[in-house]
Amino acid sequence: MESVVLEEWFAAAPEKVYRAWLNSKAHAAFTGGHAAVDPVPGGAFSAWDDYIVGTTLELDPPRRILQSWRTSDFPPDAPDSRLMLELRGERGGTRLVLSHTEIPDGQGADYAQGWIDHYFEPMKRYFHAAR
């Protein structure tokens, strides 16, 4: 199993980033793919037109989101990975620390780049435009 830890700063308060991650319409707006999020512990979610699916395991508003997470690229017998988002107020915005663990062997580097290309960069544009 592989792990990835990434950090990025966004021009929005932690509350706004937290709410957007757990809101179907906002999540779809910043990723560009269909998203469906039931924003409660035990609630299912999907993103990127069902490429990503999982369950929200724990919520600590607006500081932390823990989700089980998998894509259609996971081997069928692979367990779900774990995604933890920690949101910290910093410099008038949010420092997001993303820890993605239990990734199937050989896929970590692709997901690390995917988080940057398909989440962090679009989220920066989304939150900048919303200012």
C-alpha atoms as a PDB file:
ATOM      1  CA  MET A   1       0.000   0.000   0.000  1.00  0.00           C
ATOM      2  CA  GLU A   2       1.123   3.543  -0.721  1.00  0.00           C
ATOM      3  CA  SER A   3       0.450   6.938   0.867  1.00  0.00           C
ATOM      4  CA  VAL A   4       0.468  10.541  -0.312  1.00  0.00           C
ATOM      5  CA  VAL A   5       0.523  13.715   1.788  1.00  0.00           C
ATOM      6  CA  LEU A   6       0.001  17.040   0.013  1.00  0.00           C
ATOM      7  CA  GLU A   7      -0.579  20.613   1.172  1.00  0.00           C
ATOM      8  CA  GLU A   8      -2.112  23.603  -0.564  1.00  0.00           C
ATOM      9  CA  TRP A   9      -3.379  27.060   0.417  1.00  0.00           C
ATOM     10  CA  PHE A  10      -6.767  28.340  -0.755  1.00  0.00           C
ATOM     11  CA  ALA A  11      -8.161  31.879  -0.702  1.00  0.00           C
ATOM     12  CA  ALA A  12     -11.194  30.956   1.400  1.00  0.00           C
ATOM     13  CA  ALA A  13     -11.945  30.414   5.079  1.00  0.00           C
ATOM     14  CA  PRO A  14     -11.817  26.821   6.384  1.00  0.00           C
ATOM     15  CA  GLU A  15     -15.614  26.848   6.785  1.00  0.00           C
ATOM     16  CA  LYS A  16     -16.075  27.645   3.094  1.00  0.00           C
ATOM     17  CA  VAL A  17     -13.633  24.959   1.897  1.00  0.00           C
ATOM     18  CA  TYR A  18     -15.215  22.410   4.261  1.00  0.00           C
ATOM     19  CA  ARG A  19     -18.760  23.188   3.071  1.00  0.00           C
ATOM     20  CA  ALA A  20     -17.759  23.150  -0.612  1.00  0.00           C
ATOM     21  CA  TRP A  21     -16.098  19.708  -0.307  1.00  0.00           C
ATOM     22  CA  LEU A  22     -19.286  18.255   1.160  1.00  0.00           C
ATOM     23  CA  ASN A  23     -21.742  20.022  -1.175  1.00  0.00           C
ATOM     24  CA  SER A  24     -22.641  18.180  -4.393  1.00  0.00           C
ATOM     25  CA  LYS A  25     -23.102  21.315  -6.493  1.00  0.00           C
ATOM     26  CA  ALA A  26     -19.934  23.071  -5.249  1.00  0.00           C
ATOM     27  CA  HIS A  27     -17.831  19.900  -5.504  1.00  0.00           C
ATOM     28  CA  ALA A  28     -18.965  19.469  -9.111  1.00  0.00           C
ATOM     29  CA  ALA A  29     -18.283  23.145  -9.829  1.00  0.00           C
ATOM     30  CA  PHE A  30     -14.668  23.014  -8.724  1.00  0.00           C
ATOM     31  CA  THR A  31     -13.860  19.606 -10.252  1.00  0.00           C
ATOM     32  CA  GLY A  32     -15.811  19.864 -13.476  1.00  0.00           C
ATOM     33  CA  GLY A  33     -17.384  16.398 -13.082  1.00  0.00           C
ATOM     34  CA  HIS A  34     -20.687  15.276 -11.601  1.00  0.00           C
ATOM     35  CA  ALA A  35     -20.603  14.862  -7.814  1.00  0.00           C
ATOM     36  CA  ALA A  36     -23.154  13.549  -5.318  1.00  0.00           C
ATOM     37  CA  VAL A  37     -22.386  13.993  -1.630  1.00  0.00           C
ATOM     38  CA  ASP A  38     -24.486  12.986   1.379  1.00  0.00           C
ATOM     39  CA  PRO A  39     -22.688  15.256   3.896  1.00  0.00           C
ATOM     40  CA  VAL A  40     -23.082  13.169   7.058  1.00  0.00           C
ATOM     41  CA  PRO A  41     -21.012  10.418   8.705  1.00  0.00           C
ATOM     42  CA  GLY A  42     -21.980   7.198   6.938  1.00  0.00           C
ATOM     43  CA  GLY A  43     -23.123   9.135   3.867  1.00  0.00           C
ATOM     44  CA  ALA A  44     -22.057   7.991   0.412  1.00  0.00           C
ATOM     45  CA  PHE A  45     -20.353  10.237  -2.116  1.00  0.00           C
ATOM     46  CA  SER A  46     -19.234  10.076  -5.703  1.00  0.00           C
ATOM     47  CA  ALA A  47     -17.175  12.479  -7.786  1.00  0.00           C
ATOM     48  CA  TRP A  48     -15.766  12.864 -11.246  1.00  0.00           C
ATOM     49  CA  ASP A  49     -18.758  11.226 -12.907  1.00  0.00           C
ATOM     50  CA  ASP A  50     -18.587   8.198 -10.544  1.00  0.00           C
ATOM     51  CA  TYR A  51     -14.866   7.605 -11.154  1.00  0.00           C
ATOM     52  CA  ILE A  52     -14.473   8.206  -7.383  1.00  0.00           C
ATOM     53  CA  VAL A  53     -16.825   6.652  -4.812  1.00  0.00           C
ATOM     54  CA  GLY A  54     -16.734   6.297  -1.063  1.00  0.00           C
ATOM     55  CA  THR A  55     -18.257   6.994   2.314  1.00  0.00           C
ATOM     56  CA  THR A  56     -17.777   9.856   4.737  1.00  0.00           C
ATOM     57  CA  LEU A  57     -16.493   8.254   7.930  1.00  0.00           C
ATOM     58  CA  GLU A  58     -15.966  11.198  10.293  1.00  0.00           C
ATOM     59  CA  LEU A  59     -16.589  14.942  10.288  1.00  0.00           C
ATOM     60  CA  ASP A  60     -15.127  17.579  12.606  1.00  0.00           C
ATOM     61  CA  PRO A  61     -16.512  20.850  11.199  1.00  0.00           C
ATOM     62  CA  PRO A  62     -14.709  22.812   9.841  1.00  0.00           C
ATOM     63  CA  ARG A  63     -11.382  21.188  10.705  1.00  0.00           C
ATOM     64  CA  ARG A  64     -11.373  17.639   9.395  1.00  0.00           C
ATOM     65  CA  ILE A  65     -13.054  15.269   6.919  1.00  0.00           C
ATOM     66  CA  LEU A  66     -12.274  11.534   6.864  1.00  0.00           C
ATOM     67  CA  GLN A  67     -13.563   9.424   3.986  1.00  0.00           C
ATOM     68  CA  SER A  68     -13.155   5.957   2.544  1.00  0.00           C
ATOM     69  CA  TRP A  69     -12.204   6.451  -1.097  1.00  0.00           C
ATOM     70  CA  ARG A  70     -11.673   4.405  -4.241  1.00  0.00           C
ATOM     71  CA  THR A  71     -11.671   4.835  -7.987  1.00  0.00           C
ATOM     72  CA  SER A  72     -12.630   2.585 -10.828  1.00  0.00           C
ATOM     73  CA  ASP A  73      -8.862   2.038 -11.316  1.00  0.00           C
ATOM     74  CA  PHE A  74      -8.536   0.157  -8.003  1.00  0.00           C
ATOM     75  CA  PRO A  75      -8.135  -3.605  -8.391  1.00  0.00           C
ATOM     76  CA  PRO A  76     -11.503  -5.256  -7.572  1.00  0.00           C
ATOM     77  CA  ASP A  77     -10.076  -7.007  -4.501  1.00  0.00           C
ATOM     78  CA  ALA A  78      -8.339  -3.872  -3.128  1.00  0.00           C
ATOM     79  CA  PRO A  79      -9.783  -2.359   0.035  1.00  0.00           C
ATOM     80  CA  ASP A  80     -10.923   1.255   0.011  1.00  0.00           C
ATOM     81  CA  SER A  81      -8.211   3.801   0.678  1.00  0.00           C
ATOM     82  CA  ARG A  82      -8.522   6.496   3.360  1.00  0.00           C
ATOM     83  CA  LEU A  83      -8.643  10.211   2.665  1.00  0.00           C
ATOM     84  CA  MET A  84      -8.181  12.732   5.452  1.00  0.00           C
ATOM     85  CA  LEU A  85      -8.519  16.449   4.854  1.00  0.00           C
ATOM     86  CA  GLU A  86      -7.285  18.764   7.585  1.00  0.00           C
ATOM     87  CA  LEU A  87      -8.242  22.427   7.197  1.00  0.00           C
ATOM     88  CA  ARG A  88      -6.302  25.116   9.051  1.00  0.00           C
ATOM     89  CA  GLY A  89      -6.917  28.839   8.951  1.00  0.00           C
ATOM     90  CA  GLU A  90      -3.780  30.519   7.628  1.00  0.00           C
ATOM     91  CA  ARG A  91      -2.972  33.961   6.127  1.00  0.00           C
ATOM     92  CA  GLY A  92      -6.621  34.855   5.574  1.00  0.00           C
ATOM     93  CA  GLY A  93      -7.387  31.550   3.865  1.00  0.00           C
ATOM     94  CA  THR A  94      -7.073  27.810   4.411  1.00  0.00           C
ATOM     95  CA  ARG A  95      -4.090  25.495   4.498  1.00  0.00           C
ATOM     96  CA  LEU A  96      -5.435  22.097   3.413  1.00  0.00           C
ATOM     97  CA  VAL A  97      -3.378  19.044   4.341  1.00  0.00           C
ATOM     98  CA  LEU A  98      -4.525  16.026   2.342  1.00  0.00           C
ATOM     99  CA  SER A  99      -3.424  12.589   3.565  1.00  0.00           C
ATOM    100  CA  HIS A 100      -4.375   9.773   1.195  1.00  0.00           C
ATOM    101  CA  THR A 101      -3.398   6.377   2.616  1.00  0.00           C
ATOM    102  CA  GLU A 102      -3.894   2.706   1.756  1.00  0.00           C
ATOM    103  CA  ILE A 103      -3.565   3.373  -1.981  1.00  0.00           C
ATOM    104  CA  PRO A 104      -2.969   0.212  -4.042  1.00  0.00           C
ATOM    105  CA  ASP A 105       0.691  -0.404  -4.863  1.00  0.00           C
ATOM    106  CA  GLY A 106       1.888   1.356  -7.988  1.00  0.00           C
ATOM    107  CA  GLN A 107      -0.869   4.019  -7.982  1.00  0.00           C
ATOM    108  CA  GLY A 108       0.383   6.572  -5.435  1.00  0.00           C
ATOM    109  CA  ALA A 109       2.289   8.838  -7.825  1.00  0.00           C
ATOM    110  CA  ASP A 110      -0.662   9.014 -10.229  1.00  0.00           C
ATOM    111  CA  TYR A 111      -3.046  10.006  -7.440  1.00  0.00           C
ATOM    112  CA  ALA A 112      -0.588  12.566  -6.062  1.00  0.00           C
ATOM    113  CA  GLN A 113      -0.484  14.293  -9.454  1.00  0.00           C
ATOM    114  CA  GLY A 114      -4.234  13.832  -9.871  1.00  0.00           C
ATOM    115  CA  TRP A 115      -4.930  15.687  -6.614  1.00  0.00           C
ATOM    116  CA  ILE A 116      -2.890  18.614  -7.872  1.00  0.00           C
ATOM    117  CA  ASP A 117      -4.242  18.676 -11.436  1.00  0.00           C
ATOM    118  CA  HIS A 118      -7.879  17.746 -10.822  1.00  0.00           C
ATOM    119  CA  TYR A 119      -8.523  19.179  -7.368  1.00  0.00           C
ATOM    120  CA  PHE A 120      -6.009  21.728  -6.088  1.00  0.00           C
ATOM    121  CA  GLU A 121      -5.628  23.778  -9.272  1.00  0.00           C
ATOM    122  CA  PRO A 122      -9.389  23.905 -10.014  1.00  0.00           C
ATOM    123  CA  MET A 123     -10.135  24.633  -6.331  1.00  0.00           C
ATOM    124  CA  LYS A 124      -7.720  27.572  -6.385  1.00  0.00           C
ATOM    125  CA  ARG A 125      -9.585  29.029  -9.373  1.00  0.00           C
ATOM    126  CA  TYR A 126     -12.993  28.292  -7.800  1.00  0.00           C
ATOM    127  CA  PHE A 127     -12.215  29.978  -4.480  1.00  0.00           C
ATOM    128  CA  HIS A 128     -10.383  32.887  -6.121  1.00  0.00           C
ATOM    129  CA  ALA A 129     -13.399  33.593  -8.358  1.00  0.00           C
ATOM    130  CA  ALA A 130     -15.754  33.387  -5.357  1.00  0.00           C
ATOM    131  CA  ARG A 131     -13.947  36.180  -3.484  1.00  0.00           C
END
